[in-house]
Amino acid sequence: RWLFSRAMCTAYAFCAVLFGLCSLTSLTVLSTVCCLKVCYPAYGRCCPLLSLPTSLSPLAEWGSYGPEPYGTACCIAWEASSREATLYILSLFVFCYLLPCLLILTSYSLILWTVRGSRRAVRQH
C-alpha cells in the first residue's frame, strides 16, 4: 500500500507524469529535428512545450492523481468517472501519446525515404 500522505502521492504522480511526458516529447523533438535536418535542411528548428501544461492539469483539477490499482505507487487516476477526468485522459492519449508516436513514425519514414532517394542518386552518378 502507499505509505505516505495524499500530498506525497500527488507529488509523486506529478513527477512521474512530467518526466514520462518529457521523455516522449524529447524523442518526438529529436525525431522531428532529425527529419527536418535530413529532409528539409532549410527548416530545422522546433521544440514543443507539451509536458509541463499536461502534467500540471490534474493539479488544476482537470483530471486527478491517485494511487495505482495495487496501491504501491501513484499516477493518473485512470478510473476516475467524472467528465473532466475522462476528457483529460482522452486528451492525454491523443496529444501526448498518439500524436507524438505518429510524428516519430512519420519523421523516421521520411528520413528513410530521403536516404533511399539519395542512395539511388549516388548510384546513378
Protein backbone atom coordinates (compact mmCIF):
# COMPACT_ATOMS: atom_id res chain seq x y z
CA ARG A 1 0.00 0.00 0.00
CA TRP A 2 1.03 3.64 -0.36
CA LEU A 3 2.85 4.61 2.81
CA PHE A 4 2.80 8.38 2.55
CA SER A 5 0.24 11.20 2.58
CA ARG A 6 -2.17 12.19 -0.20
CA ALA A 7 0.03 15.22 -0.95
CA MET A 8 3.07 12.96 -1.41
CA CYS A 9 1.01 10.72 -3.69
CA THR A 10 0.10 13.73 -5.83
CA ALA A 11 3.71 14.98 -5.93
CA TYR A 12 4.99 11.50 -6.84
CA ALA A 13 2.40 11.10 -9.61
CA PHE A 14 3.07 14.62 -10.93
CA CYS A 15 6.80 13.90 -11.22
CA ALA A 16 6.18 10.53 -12.87
CA VAL A 17 3.83 12.04 -15.46
CA LEU A 18 6.04 15.10 -16.05
CA PHE A 19 9.24 13.09 -16.58
CA GLY A 20 7.47 10.45 -18.66
CA LEU A 21 5.97 13.09 -20.93
CA CYS A 22 9.32 14.93 -21.09
CA SER A 23 10.95 11.72 -22.27
CA LEU A 24 8.38 11.12 -25.01
CA THR A 25 8.48 14.81 -26.00
CA SER A 26 12.29 14.64 -26.22
CA LEU A 27 12.09 11.61 -28.50
CA THR A 28 9.48 13.39 -30.63
CA VAL A 29 11.59 16.54 -30.89
CA LEU A 30 14.69 14.51 -31.70
CA SER A 31 12.98 12.60 -34.50
CA THR A 32 11.38 15.77 -35.87
CA VAL A 33 14.64 17.73 -35.83
CA CYS A 34 16.49 14.82 -37.47
CA CYS A 35 13.80 14.68 -40.14
CA LEU A 36 13.97 18.42 -40.74
CA LYS A 37 17.78 18.36 -40.94
CA VAL A 38 17.87 15.41 -43.33
CA CYS A 39 14.78 16.01 -45.45
CA TYR A 40 14.35 19.78 -45.27
CA PRO A 41 17.75 21.28 -44.37
CA ALA A 42 16.50 24.88 -44.59
CA TYR A 43 13.94 24.33 -41.79
CA GLY A 44 15.43 22.78 -38.69
CA ARG A 45 14.15 24.50 -35.56
CA CYS A 46 11.32 23.22 -33.36
CA CYS A 47 10.60 22.48 -29.68
CA PRO A 48 7.07 21.71 -28.45
CA LEU A 49 6.36 22.51 -24.80
CA LEU A 50 3.69 19.93 -24.06
CA SER A 51 4.94 18.17 -20.95
CA LEU A 52 4.54 20.81 -18.26
CA PRO A 53 0.98 22.02 -19.02
CA THR A 54 -0.26 18.45 -19.39
CA SER A 55 1.27 17.26 -16.13
CA LEU A 56 0.07 20.40 -14.29
CA SER A 57 -3.55 19.89 -15.42
CA PRO A 58 -4.52 17.42 -12.64
CA LEU A 59 -3.16 19.90 -10.09
CA ALA A 60 -5.62 22.45 -11.52
CA GLU A 61 -8.50 19.97 -11.08
CA TRP A 62 -8.59 18.80 -14.71
CA GLY A 63 -8.01 15.10 -14.21
CA SER A 64 -6.53 13.82 -10.97
CA TYR A 65 -3.66 11.89 -9.46
CA GLY A 66 -4.15 8.98 -7.09
CA PRO A 67 -2.89 5.56 -6.05
CA GLU A 68 -2.41 2.90 -8.71
CA PRO A 69 -4.69 -0.16 -8.57
CA TYR A 70 -2.15 -2.14 -6.49
CA GLY A 71 -1.65 0.83 -4.19
CA THR A 72 2.14 0.77 -4.16
CA ALA A 73 2.66 3.92 -6.24
CA CYS A 74 0.69 6.89 -7.54
CA CYS A 75 -0.12 8.05 -11.05
CA ILE A 76 -3.01 9.46 -13.05
CA ALA A 77 -6.36 8.32 -11.69
CA TRP A 78 -7.34 6.26 -14.73
CA GLU A 79 -10.57 5.01 -13.18
CA ALA A 80 -11.98 8.48 -12.43
CA SER A 81 -15.51 8.74 -13.78
CA SER A 82 -16.07 12.50 -13.98
CA ARG A 83 -16.44 14.18 -17.36
CA GLU A 84 -13.33 16.32 -16.75
CA ALA A 85 -11.22 13.29 -15.87
CA THR A 86 -12.41 11.46 -18.99
CA LEU A 87 -11.59 14.46 -21.19
CA TYR A 88 -8.16 14.77 -19.57
CA ILE A 89 -7.36 11.11 -20.16
CA LEU A 90 -8.60 11.33 -23.75
CA SER A 91 -6.53 14.46 -24.47
CA LEU A 92 -3.53 12.85 -22.79
CA PHE A 93 -3.88 9.83 -25.07
CA VAL A 94 -4.32 11.89 -28.25
CA PHE A 95 -1.84 14.73 -27.69
CA CYS A 96 0.79 13.04 -25.51
CA TYR A 97 0.84 9.52 -26.95
CA LEU A 98 -0.86 9.16 -30.32
CA LEU A 99 0.34 12.42 -31.90
CA PRO A 100 3.98 12.04 -30.76
CA CYS A 101 4.05 8.42 -31.95
CA LEU A 102 2.67 9.45 -35.33
CA LEU A 103 5.23 12.27 -35.58
CA ILE A 104 8.05 9.87 -34.73
CA LEU A 105 6.87 7.29 -37.28
CA THR A 106 6.39 9.96 -39.95
CA SER A 107 9.78 11.55 -39.26
CA TYR A 108 11.73 8.32 -39.48
CA SER A 109 9.77 7.22 -42.55
CA LEU A 110 10.66 10.49 -44.30
CA ILE A 111 14.30 10.07 -43.29
CA LEU A 112 14.38 6.53 -44.71
CA TRP A 113 12.71 7.72 -47.91
CA THR A 114 15.19 10.60 -48.29
CA VAL A 115 18.21 8.38 -47.62
CA ARG A 116 16.94 5.79 -50.08
CA GLY A 117 16.48 8.50 -52.74
CA SER A 118 19.94 9.89 -52.06
CA ARG A 119 21.48 6.44 -52.35
CA ARG A 120 19.82 5.93 -55.74
CA ALA A 121 21.09 9.32 -56.91
CA VAL A 122 24.65 8.45 -55.84
CA ARG A 123 24.48 5.09 -57.64
CA GLN A 124 23.40 6.80 -60.88
CA HIS A 125 26.37 9.12 -60.80
